[in-house]
């Protein structure tokens, strides 16, 4: 239902008796908003004339507006108004309603009234408004209600998700108690309330696409306003894992479900189990550059698996190493290819990603496993662990390895301190731009199993941006449930200098930026490492990308 002209004009003045305004942002919630309004209309210990409801209809494409209109006309209840939202996400929609509600209470001279908000997929307790007004009368200026998951929907979540959630909430409750009365940990859009006076002191609600409730919490704290997290103020909210906002409870539950269903232990996959499940051809590809010290033991560990029939192709694609890497690899039975000799029409290979792209084009197997060739302590479980999820579950399109990475500094070993570019660049970028992928512990891991039909659709950065680009693009093409991560134990590889890691970080950033929807740059600038000795050298970041192999094949026909 489209908004009528009357609905988009100024709202009628609130009744003099109004003490509370409840804001409900809604986008395509025709199936759920009826229960939300029923609960709000059925409040006890407060008169219907003492509160009103503002529904912010935010770019709805279903009949949410029709449901609200029908409810409003159906029976006597509190005044219900609806206004159009800015169509920029749940945060701006909620802020729009909160600003309107605050002004309406202020016009009545009720700066100590209640400006509350819940979500269209939530059902408030029958005394939800009364308990908040009671808290305000006792001196509270900001109130967080306890949020319970819908028990029927929550029961469908994988085992362990709810237990981990409860443990997290207990920890957060203890932390919240240091900032104000806290009977629980919640201060969320599903149940929050403030006085207009506190709302103004805090600077109002930010226009953020999501997490606007957390931002308001921070603003209240900065203004010295304590949040009273009260258990009697409670709501039941949907436990769905497909939400309207890119962040929030639905995304948290989606990630928790994914971690329960798509995080594997590599030790669970034996050779016998994989051979029984193997229904496709498998190629292992190892990009190498000066890996003479590590390639022999790696290939030695792989040899029994190949002999058992787990691998159909074993390829080392070498960057013309000067240390004899290629010769050692041949001695251990691998097919050795020079990365630049593959597709010589493209000139010398530009980097690791380019070598991977060229090598896939030279193989025929349907499942491809990439392994880093500079790993020390490599054992067969690295390969069986990577292959395991993809072989036993044909719905998985890409599997990444994860591991604990100690950092060796001289003779000292620092557990968990490896992967500097991962922790300082890759994971923060994913959290910022692709929060669903924040569950991947090692987004830059070179241990990857990927199906050919997916890889051939990927645009492949030629340099160190290849792994994170594969992850982001696979997410877009195969969906979250088409991805998995497997724990491979401990991995130790050679550490690069800080200067080299700086350039690596630059290439990772470029690969991510290109996938954020940001306006394309005409060119990426040269990269200058920090000056040492008063001079700087100019490095060219390897930012170009090879086209999807399936498009490349078509262009050559």
Protein backbone atom coordinates (compact mmCIF):
# COMPACT_ATOMS: atom_id res chain seq x y z
CA UNK A 1 0.00 0.00 0.00
CA UNK A 2 1.42 3.40 -0.96
CA UNK A 3 1.40 6.20 1.57
CA UNK A 4 -1.58 8.49 1.16
CA UNK A 5 -1.11 12.23 0.79
CA UNK A 6 -2.62 12.72 4.24
CA UNK A 7 -0.07 10.38 5.81
CA UNK A 8 2.84 12.39 4.45
CA UNK A 9 1.60 15.74 5.79
CA UNK A 10 2.17 17.09 9.30
CA UNK A 11 0.87 14.83 12.04
CA UNK A 12 -2.03 15.99 14.17
CA UNK A 13 -1.04 17.52 17.47
CA UNK A 14 -0.73 15.00 20.31
CA UNK A 15 -3.43 14.88 22.96
CA UNK A 16 -2.63 16.82 26.12
CA UNK A 17 -2.76 13.53 28.04
CA UNK A 18 0.14 11.88 26.16
CA UNK A 19 3.04 10.93 28.41
CA UNK A 20 4.83 8.47 26.11
CA UNK A 21 5.60 8.09 22.40
CA UNK A 22 6.61 4.69 20.99
CA UNK A 23 8.57 4.58 17.71
CA UNK A 24 8.42 1.48 15.48
CA UNK A 25 10.59 1.49 12.33
CA UNK A 26 9.34 -1.01 9.77
CA UNK A 27 10.46 -2.26 6.39
CA UNK A 28 8.51 -5.05 4.70
CA UNK A 29 7.06 -6.38 7.96
CA UNK A 30 3.44 -7.07 6.96
CA UNK A 31 3.64 -10.57 8.49
CA UNK A 32 4.97 -9.45 11.87
CA UNK A 33 3.93 -5.87 12.61
CA UNK A 34 0.36 -6.87 13.51
CA UNK A 35 1.56 -8.77 16.60
CA UNK A 36 3.80 -5.82 17.51
CA UNK A 37 0.88 -3.37 17.37
CA UNK A 38 -1.43 -5.77 19.24
CA UNK A 39 1.03 -5.88 22.14
CA UNK A 40 1.44 -2.11 22.17
CA UNK A 41 -2.32 -1.57 22.11
CA UNK A 42 -2.85 -4.05 24.96
CA UNK A 43 -0.78 -2.23 27.59
CA UNK A 44 -1.89 -2.29 31.21
CA UNK A 45 -1.50 0.23 34.04
CA UNK A 46 -1.49 3.04 31.48
CA UNK A 47 -4.43 4.62 29.71
CA UNK A 48 -4.80 4.50 25.94
CA UNK A 49 -4.87 8.29 25.93
CA UNK A 50 -1.48 8.43 27.69
CA UNK A 51 0.64 7.19 24.80
CA UNK A 52 0.81 7.16 21.03
CA UNK A 53 2.61 5.09 18.41
CA UNK A 54 4.61 6.35 15.42
CA UNK A 55 5.32 3.75 12.75
CA UNK A 56 8.10 4.75 10.35
CA UNK A 57 7.43 3.00 7.04
CA UNK A 58 10.84 2.75 5.46
CA UNK A 59 10.84 1.92 1.73
CA UNK A 60 8.28 -0.86 2.19
CA UNK A 61 7.49 -2.90 -0.90
CA UNK A 62 4.88 -5.09 0.76
CA UNK A 63 1.60 -4.21 2.49
CA UNK A 64 3.03 -3.13 5.85
CA UNK A 65 1.26 0.23 5.51
CA UNK A 66 -2.03 -1.53 4.80
CA UNK A 67 -1.69 -3.65 7.94
CA UNK A 68 -0.99 -0.56 10.04
CA UNK A 69 -3.91 1.33 8.52
CA UNK A 70 -6.28 -1.58 9.04
CA UNK A 71 -5.18 -1.94 12.66
CA UNK A 72 -5.63 1.76 13.27
CA UNK A 73 -9.18 1.74 11.91
CA UNK A 74 -10.23 -1.58 13.38
CA UNK A 75 -10.77 -0.77 17.02
CA UNK A 76 -10.35 1.77 19.74
CA UNK A 77 -6.75 2.02 20.88
CA UNK A 78 -3.87 4.45 21.28
CA UNK A 79 -3.33 6.99 18.53
CA UNK A 80 -1.28 5.45 15.73
CA UNK A 81 0.52 7.61 13.18
CA UNK A 82 2.71 6.53 10.33
CA UNK A 83 5.29 8.54 8.47
CA UNK A 84 7.64 7.73 5.57
CA UNK A 85 11.22 6.84 6.39
CA UNK A 86 14.29 8.09 4.54
CA UNK A 87 14.91 4.68 2.90
CA UNK A 88 18.48 4.56 4.21
CA UNK A 89 18.24 1.68 6.64
CA UNK A 90 16.87 0.90 10.09
CA UNK A 91 19.04 3.48 11.85
CA UNK A 92 17.87 6.56 9.94
CA UNK A 93 14.29 5.27 10.07
CA UNK A 94 14.43 4.92 13.85
CA UNK A 95 16.16 8.30 14.22
CA UNK A 96 13.42 9.91 12.12
CA UNK A 97 10.73 8.58 14.42
CA UNK A 98 12.67 9.39 17.59
CA UNK A 99 13.21 12.99 16.50
CA UNK A 100 9.50 13.39 15.74
CA UNK A 101 8.47 11.78 19.00
CA UNK A 102 10.87 13.88 21.02
CA UNK A 103 9.54 17.09 19.51
CA UNK A 104 5.93 16.04 20.20
CA UNK A 105 6.64 15.41 23.88
CA UNK A 106 8.58 18.65 24.17
CA UNK A 107 5.66 20.56 22.66
CA UNK A 108 3.56 19.19 25.50
CA UNK A 109 6.16 20.32 28.03
CA UNK A 110 6.94 16.71 28.94
CA UNK A 111 10.74 16.65 28.84
CA UNK A 112 10.52 13.95 31.51
CA UNK A 113 8.13 11.82 29.47
CA UNK A 114 8.99 8.54 27.77
CA UNK A 115 10.41 8.37 24.26
CA UNK A 116 10.59 4.63 23.55
CA UNK A 117 11.33 2.38 20.60
CA UNK A 118 10.82 -1.24 19.66
CA UNK A 119 11.06 -3.21 16.41
CA UNK A 120 8.29 -4.32 14.10
CA UNK A 121 9.27 -7.98 14.64
CA UNK A 122 9.12 -7.67 18.43
CA UNK A 123 6.31 -8.15 20.97
CA UNK A 124 6.56 -6.05 24.13
CA UNK A 125 5.37 -7.17 27.55
CA UNK A 126 1.90 -5.93 28.58
CA UNK A 127 3.41 -3.61 31.20
CA UNK A 128 6.32 -2.47 29.00
CA UNK A 129 5.30 1.19 28.97
CA UNK A 130 4.17 1.25 32.60
CA UNK A 131 7.44 -0.14 33.93
CA UNK A 132 9.43 2.45 31.96
CA UNK A 133 7.28 5.32 33.20
CA UNK A 134 7.72 3.93 36.72
CA UNK A 135 11.51 3.89 36.28
CA UNK A 136 11.50 7.48 35.02
CA UNK A 137 9.43 8.57 38.01
CA UNK A 138 12.10 6.95 40.20
CA UNK A 139 14.86 8.99 38.50
CA UNK A 140 15.93 6.98 35.45
CA UNK A 141 16.65 8.92 32.25
CA UNK A 142 17.49 5.99 29.95
CA UNK A 143 16.15 2.44 30.07
CA UNK A 144 17.15 -0.78 28.34
CA UNK A 145 14.67 -3.63 28.25
CA UNK A 146 15.59 -7.29 28.36
CA UNK A 147 15.32 -8.94 24.93
CA UNK A 148 14.18 -12.56 24.73
CA UNK A 149 14.34 -14.60 21.54
CA UNK A 150 11.12 -16.05 20.19
CA UNK A 151 11.25 -19.58 21.65
CA UNK A 152 9.86 -21.32 18.57
CA UNK A 153 12.33 -19.67 16.21
CA UNK A 154 15.19 -20.02 18.69
CA UNK A 155 14.56 -23.76 18.91
CA UNK A 156 15.46 -24.04 15.22
CA UNK A 157 18.96 -22.67 15.79
CA UNK A 158 21.86 -25.19 15.87
CA UNK A 159 22.92 -26.76 19.14
CA UNK A 160 25.19 -24.53 21.19
CA UNK A 161 24.15 -21.20 19.68
CA UNK A 162 21.83 -20.25 22.53
CA UNK A 163 24.25 -21.44 25.21
CA UNK A 164 27.03 -19.32 23.75
CA UNK A 165 24.67 -16.36 23.52
CA UNK A 166 23.71 -16.69 27.18
CA UNK A 167 27.34 -16.94 28.27
CA UNK A 168 28.14 -13.82 26.26
CA UNK A 169 25.20 -11.95 27.81
CA UNK A 170 26.33 -12.88 31.32
CA UNK A 171 29.76 -11.45 30.62
CA UNK A 172 28.30 -8.30 29.10
CA UNK A 173 25.94 -7.85 32.06
CA UNK A 174 28.87 -7.81 34.46
CA UNK A 175 30.59 -5.22 32.29
CA UNK A 176 27.43 -3.08 31.98
CA UNK A 177 27.01 -3.05 35.77
CA UNK A 178 30.09 -0.83 35.99
CA UNK A 179 28.19 1.89 34.11
CA UNK A 180 24.77 1.79 35.73
CA UNK A 181 22.03 -0.44 37.15
CA UNK A 182 22.19 -3.64 35.10
CA UNK A 183 19.93 -6.62 35.61
CA UNK A 184 20.81 -7.72 32.05
CA UNK A 185 23.09 -6.59 29.20
CA UNK A 186 20.63 -5.18 26.65
CA UNK A 187 20.17 -1.71 25.25
CA UNK A 188 18.87 -2.35 21.77
CA UNK A 189 16.39 -0.97 19.29
CA UNK A 190 14.02 -3.79 20.22
CA UNK A 191 13.51 -2.17 23.63
CA UNK A 192 14.95 1.18 24.61
CA UNK A 193 13.56 4.26 26.26
CA UNK A 194 14.83 7.74 27.11
CA UNK A 195 13.39 10.96 28.35
CA UNK A 196 13.29 13.78 25.78
CA UNK A 197 15.62 15.68 28.09
CA UNK A 198 18.22 12.89 27.99
CA UNK A 199 17.73 12.44 24.23
CA UNK A 200 18.58 16.09 23.63
CA UNK A 201 21.54 16.07 26.02
CA UNK A 202 22.97 13.06 24.20
CA UNK A 203 22.60 14.76 20.83
CA UNK A 204 19.79 12.55 19.58
CA UNK A 205 20.14 9.35 17.56
CA UNK A 206 22.71 9.12 14.77
CA UNK A 207 21.69 8.47 11.18
CA UNK A 208 23.56 5.21 10.88
CA UNK A 209 22.44 2.38 8.59
CA UNK A 210 22.71 0.04 11.58
CA UNK A 211 23.93 -0.12 15.20
CA UNK A 212 22.24 3.20 15.90
CA UNK A 213 21.25 1.83 19.32
CA UNK A 214 24.88 1.21 20.25
CA UNK A 215 25.76 4.70 19.10
CA UNK A 216 23.00 6.14 21.29
CA UNK A 217 24.36 4.14 24.22
CA UNK A 218 27.77 5.72 23.65
CA UNK A 219 26.25 9.19 23.36
CA UNK A 220 24.33 8.75 26.60
CA UNK A 221 27.50 7.63 28.37
CA UNK A 222 29.41 10.64 27.03
CA UNK A 223 26.66 12.89 28.39
CA UNK A 224 26.93 11.24 31.81
CA UNK A 225 23.51 9.58 31.59
CA UNK A 226 23.33 6.10 33.10
CA UNK A 227 21.25 3.42 31.40
CA UNK A 228 19.00 1.40 33.69
CA UNK A 229 18.85 -2.11 32.27
CA UNK A 230 15.73 -3.47 33.92
CA UNK A 231 14.44 -7.04 33.69
CA UNK A 232 10.73 -6.17 34.17
CA UNK A 233 10.96 -4.11 30.96
CA UNK A 234 11.01 -6.94 28.45
CA UNK A 235 10.24 -7.88 24.87
CA UNK A 236 10.22 -11.05 22.76
CA UNK A 237 11.89 -10.57 19.39
CA UNK A 238 12.31 -12.64 16.27
CA UNK A 239 15.21 -15.10 16.21
CA UNK A 240 15.46 -14.99 12.44
CA UNK A 241 18.83 -15.07 10.74
CA UNK A 242 17.78 -13.05 7.71
CA UNK A 243 17.37 -9.45 8.83
CA UNK A 244 16.70 -6.19 7.05
CA UNK A 245 19.79 -4.47 8.45
CA UNK A 246 23.34 -5.42 7.56
CA UNK A 247 24.16 -5.54 11.28
CA UNK A 248 22.26 -6.31 14.41
CA UNK A 249 20.70 -9.33 16.10
CA UNK A 250 19.73 -11.16 12.90
CA UNK A 251 23.28 -10.92 11.58
CA UNK A 252 24.70 -12.02 14.92
CA UNK A 253 22.45 -15.07 14.90
CA UNK A 254 23.28 -15.76 11.27
CA UNK A 255 26.99 -15.76 12.09
CA UNK A 256 26.45 -17.93 15.17
CA UNK A 257 24.50 -20.43 13.08
CA UNK A 258 27.18 -20.43 10.39
CA UNK A 259 29.94 -21.00 12.92
CA UNK A 260 28.00 -23.96 14.31
CA UNK A 261 27.30 -25.50 10.91
CA UNK A 262 30.19 -24.43 8.67
CA UNK A 263 33.24 -24.50 10.97
CA UNK A 264 35.01 -27.86 10.80
CA UNK A 265 37.87 -29.64 12.55
CA UNK A 266 40.38 -30.99 10.05
CA UNK A 267 41.18 -33.89 12.35
CA UNK A 268 37.72 -35.34 11.70
CA UNK A 269 38.56 -36.29 8.10
CA UNK A 270 40.50 -39.51 7.60
CA UNK A 271 41.87 -40.68 4.27
CA UNK A 272 39.44 -43.60 4.29
CA UNK A 273 36.46 -41.33 4.85
CA UNK A 274 37.52 -38.99 2.06
CA UNK A 275 38.16 -41.78 -0.42
CA UNK A 276 34.69 -43.11 0.27
CA UNK A 277 33.21 -39.66 -0.32
CA UNK A 278 35.35 -38.70 -3.31
CA UNK A 279 33.12 -38.24 -6.34
CA UNK A 280 35.09 -35.63 -8.23
CA UNK A 281 38.60 -35.05 -9.56
CA UNK A 282 41.03 -33.14 -7.33
CA UNK A 283 44.07 -31.00 -8.16
CA UNK A 284 46.53 -29.61 -5.62
CA UNK A 285 48.33 -26.44 -6.71
CA UNK A 286 51.33 -25.03 -4.84
CA UNK A 287 52.57 -21.57 -5.92
CA UNK A 288 56.30 -21.34 -5.12
CA UNK A 289 58.97 -18.67 -4.96
CA UNK A 290 62.33 -19.60 -3.45
CA UNK A 291 60.87 -22.50 -1.42
CA UNK A 292 63.73 -25.00 -1.65
CA UNK A 293 63.88 -25.29 2.13
CA UNK A 294 60.24 -26.35 2.53
CA UNK A 295 58.94 -27.86 -0.70
CA UNK A 296 60.50 -31.32 -0.23
CA UNK A 297 58.89 -32.17 3.12
CA UNK A 298 55.55 -30.77 1.91
CA UNK A 299 55.54 -32.95 -1.20
CA UNK A 300 56.78 -35.87 0.87
CA UNK A 301 53.76 -35.53 3.16
CA UNK A 302 51.41 -35.31 0.18
CA UNK A 303 52.86 -38.33 -1.68
CA UNK A 304 50.99 -41.05 0.28
CA UNK A 305 47.70 -39.21 -0.23
CA UNK A 306 48.34 -39.01 -3.94
CA UNK A 307 49.27 -42.68 -4.07
CA UNK A 308 46.05 -43.55 -2.25
CA UNK A 309 44.06 -41.87 -5.02
CA UNK A 310 43.02 -38.71 -3.18
CA UNK A 311 44.71 -36.45 -5.77
CA UNK A 312 44.40 -36.60 -9.53
CA UNK A 313 46.82 -33.74 -10.22
CA UNK A 314 49.74 -32.31 -8.23
CA UNK A 315 51.10 -29.07 -9.67
CA UNK A 316 53.87 -26.78 -8.49
CA UNK A 317 53.71 -23.44 -10.29
CA UNK A 318 57.10 -21.81 -9.76
CA UNK A 319 58.23 -18.21 -10.11
CA UNK A 320 61.50 -19.33 -11.76
CA UNK A 321 63.09 -19.65 -8.33
CA UNK A 322 66.87 -19.35 -8.27
CA UNK A 323 67.26 -21.72 -5.30
CA UNK A 324 66.38 -24.95 -7.12
CA UNK A 325 62.76 -25.18 -5.96
CA UNK A 326 61.58 -26.50 -9.35
CA UNK A 327 64.17 -29.27 -9.51
CA UNK A 328 63.37 -30.46 -6.00
CA UNK A 329 59.66 -30.48 -6.80
CA UNK A 330 60.24 -32.60 -9.92
CA UNK A 331 62.32 -35.05 -7.92
CA UNK A 332 59.32 -35.51 -5.63
CA UNK A 333 56.94 -36.32 -8.46
CA UNK A 334 55.13 -33.02 -8.91
CA UNK A 335 54.26 -31.55 -12.29
CA UNK A 336 56.29 -28.33 -12.32
CA UNK A 337 55.16 -25.36 -14.39
CA UNK A 338 56.88 -22.01 -14.79
CA UNK A 339 54.30 -19.36 -13.95
CA UNK A 340 55.54 -17.04 -16.71
CA UNK A 341 55.65 -19.85 -19.29
CA UNK A 342 51.93 -20.31 -18.76
CA UNK A 343 50.12 -17.81 -20.95
CA UNK A 344 53.29 -16.15 -22.28
CA UNK A 345 51.04 -13.82 -24.31
CA UNK A 346 50.33 -12.01 -21.03
CA UNK A 347 54.00 -11.41 -20.27
CA UNK A 348 55.77 -12.34 -17.03
CA UNK A 349 53.54 -13.39 -14.16
CA UNK A 350 52.80 -10.47 -11.88
CA UNK A 351 52.50 -12.25 -8.55
CA UNK A 352 50.97 -15.03 -6.51
CA UNK A 353 47.42 -14.45 -7.69
CA UNK A 354 48.51 -14.40 -11.31
CA UNK A 355 50.35 -17.71 -10.80
CA UNK A 356 47.24 -19.29 -9.26
CA UNK A 357 45.03 -18.06 -12.11
CA UNK A 358 47.42 -19.36 -14.78
CA UNK A 359 47.85 -22.71 -13.01
CA UNK A 360 44.11 -23.34 -12.78
CA UNK A 361 43.90 -22.77 -16.51
CA UNK A 362 46.50 -25.52 -16.99
CA UNK A 363 44.61 -28.12 -14.91
CA UNK A 364 41.40 -30.03 -15.52
CA UNK A 365 40.19 -31.20 -12.10
CA UNK A 366 36.84 -30.06 -10.73
CA UNK A 367 38.02 -29.43 -7.16
CA UNK A 368 41.16 -27.35 -6.68
CA UNK A 369 43.20 -27.13 -3.51
CA UNK A 370 45.73 -24.34 -3.09
CA UNK A 371 48.51 -24.86 -0.55
CA UNK A 372 51.21 -22.44 0.55
CA UNK A 373 54.67 -23.86 -0.10
CA UNK A 374 56.62 -21.99 2.59
CA UNK A 375 55.05 -23.86 5.51
CA UNK A 376 57.27 -25.61 8.03
CA UNK A 377 55.90 -28.60 9.89
CA UNK A 378 53.49 -29.44 7.07
CA UNK A 379 51.62 -32.68 7.72
CA UNK A 380 49.04 -34.66 5.69
CA UNK A 381 46.19 -33.23 7.72
CA UNK A 382 46.64 -29.90 5.97
CA UNK A 383 45.46 -31.50 2.75
CA UNK A 384 42.89 -33.95 4.14
CA UNK A 385 41.44 -31.22 6.36
CA UNK A 386 40.97 -28.85 3.43
CA UNK A 387 39.50 -31.53 1.20
CA UNK A 388 37.23 -32.97 3.88
CA UNK A 389 34.34 -30.48 4.00
CA UNK A 390 34.20 -30.06 0.21
CA UNK A 391 34.22 -33.82 -0.47
CA UNK A 392 31.61 -34.75 2.11
CA UNK A 393 29.34 -31.77 1.38
CA UNK A 394 28.89 -30.99 -2.31
CA UNK A 395 26.99 -27.77 -1.46
CA UNK A 396 30.23 -26.13 -0.31
CA UNK A 397 31.87 -24.05 -3.03
CA UNK A 398 34.88 -22.74 -1.09
CA UNK A 399 36.66 -23.91 2.07
CA UNK A 400 39.36 -21.87 3.78
CA UNK A 401 41.87 -23.17 6.26
CA UNK A 402 42.35 -21.60 9.65
CA UNK A 403 45.14 -22.24 12.11
CA UNK A 404 47.05 -20.87 15.02
CA UNK A 405 50.08 -18.89 13.88
CA UNK A 406 52.96 -18.41 16.32
CA UNK A 407 55.35 -15.56 15.63
CA UNK A 408 59.05 -16.40 15.87
CA UNK A 409 61.35 -13.56 16.87
CA UNK A 410 64.86 -14.92 17.11
CA UNK A 411 64.64 -17.92 19.40
CA UNK A 412 61.46 -16.71 21.07
CA UNK A 413 58.04 -18.01 19.97
CA UNK A 414 55.00 -15.82 20.59
CA UNK A 415 51.78 -17.84 20.33
CA UNK A 416 48.98 -16.24 18.36
CA UNK A 417 51.01 -13.23 17.27
CA UNK A 418 51.50 -14.23 13.62
CA UNK A 419 49.39 -12.94 10.76
CA UNK A 420 50.05 -9.23 11.18
CA UNK A 421 48.39 -8.13 7.92
CA UNK A 422 45.42 -10.36 8.74
CA UNK A 423 44.78 -8.78 12.13
CA UNK A 424 45.73 -5.19 11.30
CA UNK A 425 44.18 -4.89 7.84
CA UNK A 426 42.13 -7.81 6.51
CA UNK A 427 39.86 -8.57 9.46
CA UNK A 428 39.14 -4.90 10.26
CA UNK A 429 38.21 -4.31 6.60
CA UNK A 430 35.87 -7.30 6.56
CA UNK A 431 34.22 -6.19 9.80
CA UNK A 432 33.73 -2.74 8.30
CA UNK A 433 32.48 -3.65 4.83
CA UNK A 434 31.48 -7.34 4.86
CA UNK A 435 30.44 -8.11 8.46
CA UNK A 436 29.00 -11.51 7.57
CA UNK A 437 32.55 -12.65 6.76
CA UNK A 438 33.91 -11.55 10.15
CA UNK A 439 33.65 -15.16 11.33
CA UNK A 440 36.60 -16.18 9.15
CA UNK A 441 39.63 -16.30 11.41
CA UNK A 442 42.17 -16.43 8.57
CA UNK A 443 40.76 -14.53 5.55
CA UNK A 444 44.25 -14.33 4.00
CA UNK A 445 45.05 -18.02 4.39
CA UNK A 446 46.59 -19.53 1.28
CA UNK A 447 45.07 -22.92 2.12
CA UNK A 448 41.90 -22.93 0.04
CA UNK A 449 39.72 -25.59 -1.56
CA UNK A 450 37.51 -24.20 -4.32
CA UNK A 451 35.35 -25.76 -6.99
CA UNK A 452 36.43 -25.04 -10.55
CA UNK A 453 33.03 -23.76 -11.61
CA UNK A 454 33.29 -21.07 -8.92
CA UNK A 455 36.94 -20.16 -9.48
CA UNK A 456 36.39 -19.72 -13.20
CA UNK A 457 33.82 -17.02 -12.42
CA UNK A 458 36.17 -15.01 -10.19
CA UNK A 459 38.12 -11.90 -11.07
CA UNK A 460 41.57 -12.65 -9.65
CA UNK A 461 43.98 -9.99 -8.32
CA UNK A 462 47.49 -10.75 -9.53
CA UNK A 463 49.16 -10.01 -6.20
CA UNK A 464 48.49 -10.51 -2.52
CA UNK A 465 44.88 -9.39 -2.76
CA UNK A 466 43.94 -12.77 -4.25
CA UNK A 467 42.81 -14.61 -1.10
CA UNK A 468 40.55 -11.91 0.34
CA UNK A 469 39.12 -11.16 -3.11
CA UNK A 470 38.27 -14.85 -3.57
CA UNK A 471 36.49 -14.91 -0.22
CA UNK A 472 34.41 -11.79 -0.87
CA UNK A 473 33.49 -12.76 -4.43
CA UNK A 474 32.67 -16.34 -3.44
CA UNK A 475 30.35 -14.94 -0.78
CA UNK A 476 28.52 -12.98 -3.45
CA UNK A 477 28.33 -15.89 -5.90
CA UNK A 478 27.82 -18.90 -3.63
CA UNK A 479 26.18 -17.32 -0.58
CA UNK A 480 27.21 -17.60 3.05
CA UNK A 481 26.26 -21.26 3.32
CA UNK A 482 28.42 -22.08 0.29
CA UNK A 483 31.50 -21.15 2.35
CA UNK A 484 33.22 -22.98 5.19
CA UNK A 485 36.33 -22.80 7.35
CA UNK A 486 38.32 -25.74 8.70
CA UNK A 487 40.76 -25.77 11.61
CA UNK A 488 44.10 -27.19 10.44
CA UNK A 489 45.95 -26.89 13.74
CA UNK A 490 49.18 -24.90 13.87
CA UNK A 491 50.91 -23.36 10.88
CA UNK A 492 54.36 -21.82 10.87
CA UNK A 493 55.71 -20.10 7.79
CA UNK A 494 58.45 -17.63 7.07
CA UNK A 495 57.86 -14.07 8.17
CA UNK A 496 58.34 -11.18 5.82
CA UNK A 497 59.85 -7.82 6.69
CA UNK A 498 57.61 -5.01 7.85
CA UNK A 499 58.33 -3.14 4.60
CA UNK A 500 57.19 -6.11 2.53
CA UNK A 501 54.10 -6.55 4.69
CA UNK A 502 53.25 -2.89 4.17
CA UNK A 503 53.04 -3.41 0.42
CA UNK A 504 51.04 -6.61 0.98
CA UNK A 505 48.60 -4.66 3.14
CA UNK A 506 48.24 -2.10 0.38
CA UNK A 507 47.30 -4.76 -2.17
CA UNK A 508 44.80 -6.29 0.26
CA UNK A 509 43.19 -2.88 0.81
CA UNK A 510 42.90 -2.25 -2.91
CA UNK A 511 41.23 -5.65 -3.49
CA UNK A 512 38.68 -4.97 -0.75
CA UNK A 513 38.00 -1.39 -1.83
CA UNK A 514 37.17 -2.55 -5.34
CA UNK A 515 34.47 -4.79 -3.87
CA UNK A 516 32.77 -2.22 -1.63
CA UNK A 517 30.89 -0.45 -4.40
CA UNK A 518 33.07 2.64 -4.01
CA UNK A 519 33.58 4.75 -7.17
CA UNK A 520 36.38 3.19 -9.22
CA UNK A 521 39.73 4.93 -9.18
CA UNK A 522 41.28 5.73 -12.55
CA UNK A 523 44.54 4.30 -11.24
CA UNK A 524 46.12 3.34 -7.94
CA UNK A 525 49.15 5.38 -6.97
CA UNK A 526 52.66 4.12 -6.52
CA UNK A 527 53.47 3.07 -3.00
CA UNK A 528 56.22 4.60 -0.90
CA UNK A 529 57.40 2.64 2.14
CA UNK A 530 58.49 4.69 5.11
CA UNK A 531 61.76 6.54 4.57
CA UNK A 532 64.89 4.95 5.95
CA UNK A 533 68.16 6.77 5.83
CA UNK A 534 66.42 9.87 4.50
CA UNK A 535 65.27 8.28 1.23
CA UNK A 536 62.22 6.42 -0.06
CA UNK A 537 61.87 3.97 -2.87
CA UNK A 538 58.89 3.71 -5.17
CA UNK A 539 56.98 0.43 -5.26
CA UNK A 540 54.17 -0.31 -7.65
CA UNK A 541 51.26 -2.04 -5.99
CA UNK A 542 50.05 -4.96 -8.11
CA UNK A 543 46.45 -3.91 -8.45
CA UNK A 544 45.40 -5.33 -11.80
CA UNK A 545 43.12 -8.36 -11.92
CA UNK A 546 42.85 -11.27 -14.31
CA UNK A 547 39.35 -11.72 -15.75
CA UNK A 548 37.23 -14.74 -14.88
CA UNK A 549 38.64 -17.77 -16.66
CA UNK A 550 35.29 -18.65 -18.20
CA UNK A 551 35.17 -15.19 -19.80
CA UNK A 552 38.81 -15.57 -20.87
CA UNK A 553 38.00 -18.87 -22.63
CA UNK A 554 35.02 -17.32 -24.40
CA UNK A 555 37.10 -14.37 -25.61
CA UNK A 556 39.61 -16.73 -27.26
CA UNK A 557 36.99 -18.67 -29.24
